[in-house]
Amino acid sequence: MDVPKSTGIVLTENYAMKPLASVSGLYFSHPQARYFTVGHIAKDQLEDYAKRKGMSFFEVEKWLSSNMG
């Protein structure tokens, strides 16, 4: 398989992938694996997180809006 020819992805001398947007990964699965999602974030949790990050509530709310209940 000629990967550089078929994908345009090459490795540098330090084994970095080019172009920079290239990604790779190893994916493992098991028939007995159980997956979960993170629950919704409540307003008090968002306020606490914003305070700890030194960010405004509205800025944090913007970035985490998809996780809010």
PDB file of N, CA and C in Angstrom:
ATOM      1  N   MET A   1       0.840  -1.172   0.000  1.00  0.00           N
ATOM      2  CA  MET A   1       0.000   0.000   0.000  1.00  0.00           C
ATOM      3  C   MET A   1       0.890   1.241   0.000  1.00  0.00           C
ATOM      4  N   ASP A   2       0.729   2.085  -0.958  1.00  0.00           N
ATOM      5  CA  ASP A   2       1.524   3.306  -1.061  1.00  0.00           C
ATOM      6  C   ASP A   2       0.766   4.445  -0.384  1.00  0.00           C
ATOM      7  N   VAL A   3       0.934   4.551   0.939  1.00  0.00           N
ATOM      8  CA  VAL A   3       0.172   5.519   1.730  1.00  0.00           C
ATOM      9  C   VAL A   3       0.391   6.954   1.264  1.00  0.00           C
ATOM     10  N   PRO A   4       1.641   7.428   1.101  1.00  0.00           N
ATOM     11  CA  PRO A   4       1.805   8.819   0.665  1.00  0.00           C
ATOM     12  C   PRO A   4       1.094   9.100  -0.671  1.00  0.00           C
ATOM     13  N   LYS A   5       1.138   8.171  -1.580  1.00  0.00           N
ATOM     14  CA  LYS A   5       0.510   8.379  -2.887  1.00  0.00           C
ATOM     15  C   LYS A   5      -1.018   8.369  -2.770  1.00  0.00           C
ATOM     16  N   SER A   6      -1.570   7.452  -1.979  1.00  0.00           N
ATOM     17  CA  SER A   6      -3.026   7.337  -1.905  1.00  0.00           C
ATOM     18  C   SER A   6      -3.676   8.339  -0.949  1.00  0.00           C
ATOM     19  N   THR A   7      -2.925   8.859   0.032  1.00  0.00           N
ATOM     20  CA  THR A   7      -3.527   9.778   1.010  1.00  0.00           C
ATOM     21  C   THR A   7      -2.913  11.172   1.015  1.00  0.00           C
ATOM     22  N   GLY A   8      -1.686  11.301   0.522  1.00  0.00           N
ATOM     23  CA  GLY A   8      -0.996  12.586   0.596  1.00  0.00           C
ATOM     24  C   GLY A   8      -0.363  12.836   1.950  1.00  0.00           C
ATOM     25  N   ILE A   9      -0.352  11.822   2.814  1.00  0.00           N
ATOM     26  CA  ILE A   9       0.214  11.953   4.160  1.00  0.00           C
ATOM     27  C   ILE A   9       1.619  11.359   4.169  1.00  0.00           C
ATOM     28  N   VAL A  10       2.563  12.109   4.736  1.00  0.00           N
ATOM     29  CA  VAL A  10       3.941  11.636   4.854  1.00  0.00           C
ATOM     30  C   VAL A  10       4.404  11.814   6.289  1.00  0.00           C
ATOM     31  N   LEU A  11       5.455  11.093   6.661  1.00  0.00           N
ATOM     32  CA  LEU A  11       6.061  11.244   7.989  1.00  0.00           C
ATOM     33  C   LEU A  11       7.341  12.045   7.858  1.00  0.00           C
ATOM     34  N   THR A  12       7.576  12.958   8.814  1.00  0.00           N
ATOM     35  CA  THR A  12       8.811  13.715   8.834  1.00  0.00           C
ATOM     36  C   THR A  12       9.906  12.836   9.427  1.00  0.00           C
ATOM     37  N   GLU A  13      11.113  13.349   9.486  1.00  0.00           N
ATOM     38  CA  GLU A  13      12.215  12.585  10.075  1.00  0.00           C
ATOM     39  C   GLU A  13      12.008  12.313  11.555  1.00  0.00           C
ATOM     40  N   ASN A  14      11.140  13.115  12.210  1.00  0.00           N
ATOM     41  CA  ASN A  14      10.814  12.909  13.624  1.00  0.00           C
ATOM     42  C   ASN A  14       9.493  12.173  13.806  1.00  0.00           C
ATOM     43  N   TYR A  15       8.976  11.602  12.740  1.00  0.00           N
ATOM     44  CA  TYR A  15       7.745  10.807  12.726  1.00  0.00           C
ATOM     45  C   TYR A  15       6.478  11.622  12.993  1.00  0.00           C
ATOM     46  N   ALA A  16       6.525  12.915  12.684  1.00  0.00           N
ATOM     47  CA  ALA A  16       5.311  13.725  12.737  1.00  0.00           C
ATOM     48  C   ALA A  16       4.602  13.556  11.396  1.00  0.00           C
ATOM     49  N   MET A  17       3.286  13.638  11.421  1.00  0.00           N
ATOM     50  CA  MET A  17       2.519  13.483  10.190  1.00  0.00           C
ATOM     51  C   MET A  17       2.341  14.836   9.508  1.00  0.00           C
ATOM     52  N   LYS A  18       2.488  14.843   8.196  1.00  0.00           N
ATOM     53  CA  LYS A  18       2.224  16.031   7.387  1.00  0.00           C
ATOM     54  C   LYS A  18       1.214  15.653   6.335  1.00  0.00           C
ATOM     55  N   PRO A  19       0.231  16.439   6.013  1.00  0.00           N
ATOM     56  CA  PRO A  19      -0.023  17.781   6.527  1.00  0.00           C
ATOM     57  C   PRO A  19      -0.437  17.759   7.993  1.00  0.00           C
ATOM     58  N   LEU A  20      -0.353  18.917   8.630  1.00  0.00           N
ATOM     59  CA  LEU A  20      -0.598  19.012  10.068  1.00  0.00           C
ATOM     60  C   LEU A  20      -1.990  18.566  10.473  1.00  0.00           C
ATOM     61  N   ALA A  21      -2.953  18.636   9.572  1.00  0.00           N
ATOM     62  CA  ALA A  21      -4.326  18.236   9.906  1.00  0.00           C
ATOM     63  C   ALA A  21      -4.508  16.717   9.887  1.00  0.00           C
ATOM     64  N   SER A  22      -3.463  15.981   9.580  1.00  0.00           N
ATOM     65  CA  SER A  22      -3.556  14.519   9.546  1.00  0.00           C
ATOM     66  C   SER A  22      -3.688  13.965  10.955  1.00  0.00           C
ATOM     67  N   VAL A  23      -4.513  12.970  11.127  1.00  0.00           N
ATOM     68  CA  VAL A  23      -4.678  12.332  12.429  1.00  0.00           C
ATOM     69  C   VAL A  23      -4.672  10.821  12.258  1.00  0.00           C
ATOM     70  N   SER A  24      -4.290  10.149  13.303  1.00  0.00           N
ATOM     71  CA  SER A  24      -4.359   8.691  13.300  1.00  0.00           C
ATOM     72  C   SER A  24      -4.690   8.258  14.718  1.00  0.00           C
ATOM     73  N   GLY A  25      -5.101   7.038  14.850  1.00  0.00           N
ATOM     74  CA  GLY A  25      -5.429   6.564  16.180  1.00  0.00           C
ATOM     75  C   GLY A  25      -5.559   5.062  16.215  1.00  0.00           C
ATOM     76  N   LEU A  26      -5.534   4.536  17.406  1.00  0.00           N
ATOM     77  CA  LEU A  26      -5.779   3.120  17.626  1.00  0.00           C
ATOM     78  C   LEU A  26      -7.124   2.995  18.310  1.00  0.00           C
ATOM     79  N   TYR A  27      -7.967   2.169  17.794  1.00  0.00           N
ATOM     80  CA  TYR A  27      -9.310   2.018  18.344  1.00  0.00           C
ATOM     81  C   TYR A  27      -9.476   0.583  18.834  1.00  0.00           C
ATOM     82  N   PHE A  28      -9.883   0.445  20.063  1.00  0.00           N
ATOM     83  CA  PHE A  28     -10.069  -0.864  20.664  1.00  0.00           C
ATOM     84  C   PHE A  28     -11.537  -1.024  21.059  1.00  0.00           C
ATOM     85  N   SER A  29     -12.029  -2.209  20.943  1.00  0.00           N
ATOM     86  CA  SER A  29     -13.401  -2.458  21.374  1.00  0.00           C
ATOM     87  C   SER A  29     -13.488  -3.840  22.004  1.00  0.00           C
ATOM     88  N   HIS A  30     -14.554  -4.028  22.739  1.00  0.00           N
ATOM     89  CA  HIS A  30     -14.787  -5.307  23.380  1.00  0.00           C
ATOM     90  C   HIS A  30     -16.295  -5.501  23.475  1.00  0.00           C
ATOM     91  N   PRO A  31     -16.786  -6.695  23.216  1.00  0.00           N
ATOM     92  CA  PRO A  31     -18.227  -6.921  23.243  1.00  0.00           C
ATOM     93  C   PRO A  31     -18.883  -6.605  24.593  1.00  0.00           C
ATOM     94  N   GLN A  32     -18.125  -6.669  25.671  1.00  0.00           N
ATOM     95  CA  GLN A  32     -18.690  -6.390  26.992  1.00  0.00           C
ATOM     96  C   GLN A  32     -18.445  -4.951  27.449  1.00  0.00           C
ATOM     97  N   ALA A  33     -17.868  -4.120  26.571  1.00  0.00           N
ATOM     98  CA  ALA A  33     -17.598  -2.730  26.929  1.00  0.00           C
ATOM     99  C   ALA A  33     -18.914  -1.975  27.122  1.00  0.00           C
ATOM    100  N   ARG A  34     -18.921  -1.045  28.058  1.00  0.00           N
ATOM    101  CA  ARG A  34     -20.081  -0.208  28.318  1.00  0.00           C
ATOM    102  C   ARG A  34     -19.654   1.244  28.148  1.00  0.00           C
ATOM    103  N   TYR A  35     -20.415   1.986  27.390  1.00  0.00           N
ATOM    104  CA  TYR A  35     -20.084   3.374  27.113  1.00  0.00           C
ATOM    105  C   TYR A  35     -21.059   4.287  27.839  1.00  0.00           C
ATOM    106  N   PHE A  36     -20.648   5.512  28.077  1.00  0.00           N
ATOM    107  CA  PHE A  36     -21.489   6.446  28.813  1.00  0.00           C
ATOM    108  C   PHE A  36     -21.292   7.845  28.251  1.00  0.00           C
ATOM    109  N   THR A  37     -22.198   8.714  28.594  1.00  0.00           N
ATOM    110  CA  THR A  37     -22.069  10.124  28.236  1.00  0.00           C
ATOM    111  C   THR A  37     -21.975  10.938  29.515  1.00  0.00           C
ATOM    112  N   VAL A  38     -21.461  12.124  29.394  1.00  0.00           N
ATOM    113  CA  VAL A  38     -21.382  13.030  30.527  1.00  0.00           C
ATOM    114  C   VAL A  38     -22.743  13.689  30.671  1.00  0.00           C
ATOM    115  N   GLY A  39     -23.238  13.751  31.886  1.00  0.00           N
ATOM    116  CA  GLY A  39     -24.544  14.363  32.134  1.00  0.00           C
ATOM    117  C   GLY A  39     -24.528  15.859  31.896  1.00  0.00           C
ATOM    118  N   HIS A  40     -25.687  16.452  31.982  1.00  0.00           N
ATOM    119  CA  HIS A  40     -25.807  17.888  31.774  1.00  0.00           C
ATOM    120  C   HIS A  40     -25.147  18.655  32.916  1.00  0.00           C
ATOM    121  N   ILE A  41     -24.601  19.808  32.579  1.00  0.00           N
ATOM    122  CA  ILE A  41     -23.953  20.676  33.556  1.00  0.00           C
ATOM    123  C   ILE A  41     -24.992  21.652  34.096  1.00  0.00           C
ATOM    124  N   ALA A  42     -25.084  21.739  35.405  1.00  0.00           N
ATOM    125  CA  ALA A  42     -26.024  22.667  36.050  1.00  0.00           C
ATOM    126  C   ALA A  42     -25.404  24.061  36.138  1.00  0.00           C
ATOM    127  N   LYS A  43     -26.247  25.062  36.351  1.00  0.00           N
ATOM    128  CA  LYS A  43     -25.784  26.458  36.408  1.00  0.00           C
ATOM    129  C   LYS A  43     -24.752  26.665  37.514  1.00  0.00           C
ATOM    130  N   ASP A  44     -24.957  26.052  38.684  1.00  0.00           N
ATOM    131  CA  ASP A  44     -23.996  26.228  39.774  1.00  0.00           C
ATOM    132  C   ASP A  44     -22.635  25.631  39.426  1.00  0.00           C
ATOM    133  N   GLN A  45     -22.627  24.529  38.690  1.00  0.00           N
ATOM    134  CA  GLN A  45     -21.365  23.929  38.265  1.00  0.00           C
ATOM    135  C   GLN A  45     -20.660  24.835  37.262  1.00  0.00           C
ATOM    136  N   LEU A  46     -21.442  25.437  36.375  1.00  0.00           N
ATOM    137  CA  LEU A  46     -20.891  26.349  35.380  1.00  0.00           C
ATOM    138  C   LEU A  46     -20.287  27.585  36.051  1.00  0.00           C
ATOM    139  N   GLU A  47     -20.983  28.123  37.048  1.00  0.00           N
ATOM    140  CA  GLU A  47     -20.473  29.280  37.787  1.00  0.00           C
ATOM    141  C   GLU A  47     -19.167  28.947  38.494  1.00  0.00           C
ATOM    142  N   ASP A  48     -19.113  27.776  39.131  1.00  0.00           N
ATOM    143  CA  ASP A  48     -17.906  27.346  39.831  1.00  0.00           C
ATOM    144  C   ASP A  48     -16.749  27.160  38.862  1.00  0.00           C
ATOM    145  N   TYR A  49     -17.027  26.533  37.727  1.00  0.00           N
ATOM    146  CA  TYR A  49     -15.985  26.303  36.720  1.00  0.00           C
ATOM    147  C   TYR A  49     -15.448  27.628  36.186  1.00  0.00           C
ATOM    148  N   ALA A  50     -16.346  28.562  35.885  1.00  0.00           N
ATOM    149  CA  ALA A  50     -15.933  29.867  35.375  1.00  0.00           C
ATOM    150  C   ALA A  50     -15.037  30.581  36.389  1.00  0.00           C
ATOM    151  N   LYS A  51     -15.401  30.507  37.658  1.00  0.00           N
ATOM    152  CA  LYS A  51     -14.616  31.139  38.718  1.00  0.00           C
ATOM    153  C   LYS A  51     -13.219  30.520  38.789  1.00  0.00           C
ATOM    154  N   ARG A  52     -13.154  29.188  38.766  1.00  0.00           N
ATOM    155  CA  ARG A  52     -11.856  28.505  38.855  1.00  0.00           C
ATOM    156  C   ARG A  52     -10.978  28.760  37.639  1.00  0.00           C
ATOM    157  N   LYS A  53     -11.596  28.936  36.460  1.00  0.00           N
ATOM    158  CA  LYS A  53     -10.837  29.187  35.237  1.00  0.00           C
ATOM    159  C   LYS A  53     -10.504  30.663  35.052  1.00  0.00           C
ATOM    160  N   GLY A  54     -11.105  31.538  35.883  1.00  0.00           N
ATOM    161  CA  GLY A  54     -10.880  32.971  35.733  1.00  0.00           C
ATOM    162  C   GLY A  54     -11.553  33.521  34.483  1.00  0.00           C
ATOM    163  N   MET A  55     -12.671  32.922  34.105  1.00  0.00           N
ATOM    164  CA  MET A  55     -13.412  33.341  32.908  1.00  0.00           C
ATOM    165  C   MET A  55     -14.780  33.856  33.328  1.00  0.00           C
ATOM    166  N   SER A  56     -15.418  34.595  32.424  1.00  0.00           N
ATOM    167  CA  SER A  56     -16.765  35.065  32.723  1.00  0.00           C
ATOM    168  C   SER A  56     -17.752  33.914  32.569  1.00  0.00           C
ATOM    169  N   PHE A  57     -18.845  34.020  33.288  1.00  0.00           N
ATOM    170  CA  PHE A  57     -19.889  33.007  33.206  1.00  0.00           C
ATOM    171  C   PHE A  57     -20.378  32.864  31.772  1.00  0.00           C
ATOM    172  N   PHE A  58     -20.562  33.990  31.087  1.00  0.00           N
ATOM    173  CA  PHE A  58     -21.111  33.963  29.731  1.00  0.00           C
ATOM    174  C   PHE A  58     -20.156  33.329  28.726  1.00  0.00           C
ATOM    175  N   GLU A  59     -18.845  33.524  28.931  1.00  0.00           N
ATOM    176  CA  GLU A  59     -17.860  32.906  28.047  1.00  0.00           C
ATOM    177  C   GLU A  59     -17.868  31.384  28.212  1.00  0.00           C
ATOM    178  N   VAL A  60     -17.901  30.931  29.460  1.00  0.00           N
ATOM    179  CA  VAL A  60     -17.947  29.496  29.729  1.00  0.00           C
ATOM    180  C   VAL A  60     -19.261  28.906  29.214  1.00  0.00           C
ATOM    181  N   GLU A  61     -20.338  29.632  29.424  1.00  0.00           N
ATOM    182  CA  GLU A  61     -21.639  29.172  28.945  1.00  0.00           C
ATOM    183  C   GLU A  61     -21.633  28.997  27.426  1.00  0.00           C
ATOM    184  N   LYS A  62     -20.965  29.912  26.729  1.00  0.00           N
ATOM    185  CA  LYS A  62     -20.864  29.827  25.265  1.00  0.00           C
ATOM    186  C   LYS A  62     -20.167  28.537  24.839  1.00  0.00           C
ATOM    187  N   TRP A  63     -19.039  28.226  25.497  1.00  0.00           N
ATOM    188  CA  TRP A  63     -18.252  27.056  25.095  1.00  0.00           C
ATOM    189  C   TRP A  63     -18.867  25.737  25.537  1.00  0.00           C
ATOM    190  N   LEU A  64     -19.619  25.737  26.621  1.00  0.00           N
ATOM    191  CA  LEU A  64     -20.178  24.492  27.148  1.00  0.00           C
ATOM    192  C   LEU A  64     -21.689  24.385  26.957  1.00  0.00           C
ATOM    193  N   SER A  65     -22.251  25.207  26.103  1.00  0.00           N
ATOM    194  CA  SER A  65     -23.707  25.248  25.940  1.00  0.00           C
ATOM    195  C   SER A  65     -24.292  23.883  25.535  1.00  0.00           C
ATOM    196  N   SER A  66     -23.559  23.101  24.764  1.00  0.00           N
ATOM    197  CA  SER A  66     -24.093  21.801  24.341  1.00  0.00           C
ATOM    198  C   SER A  66     -24.164  20.807  25.502  1.00  0.00           C
ATOM    199  N   ASN A  67     -23.483  21.096  26.614  1.00  0.00           N
ATOM    200  CA  ASN A  67     -23.510  20.200  27.776  1.00  0.00           C
ATOM    201  C   ASN A  67     -24.442  20.683  28.885  1.00  0.00           C
ATOM    202  N   MET A  68     -25.120  21.783  28.643  1.00  0.00           N
ATOM    203  CA  MET A  68     -26.000  22.336  29.671  1.00  0.00           C
ATOM    204  C   MET A  68     -27.387  21.705  29.585  1.00  0.00           C
ATOM    205  N   GLY A  69     -28.031  21.568  30.738  1.00  0.00           N
ATOM    206  CA  GLY A  69     -29.354  20.971  30.809  1.00  0.00           C
ATOM    207  C   GLY A  69     -30.460  21.923  30.467  1.00  0.00           C
TER     208      GLY A  69
END
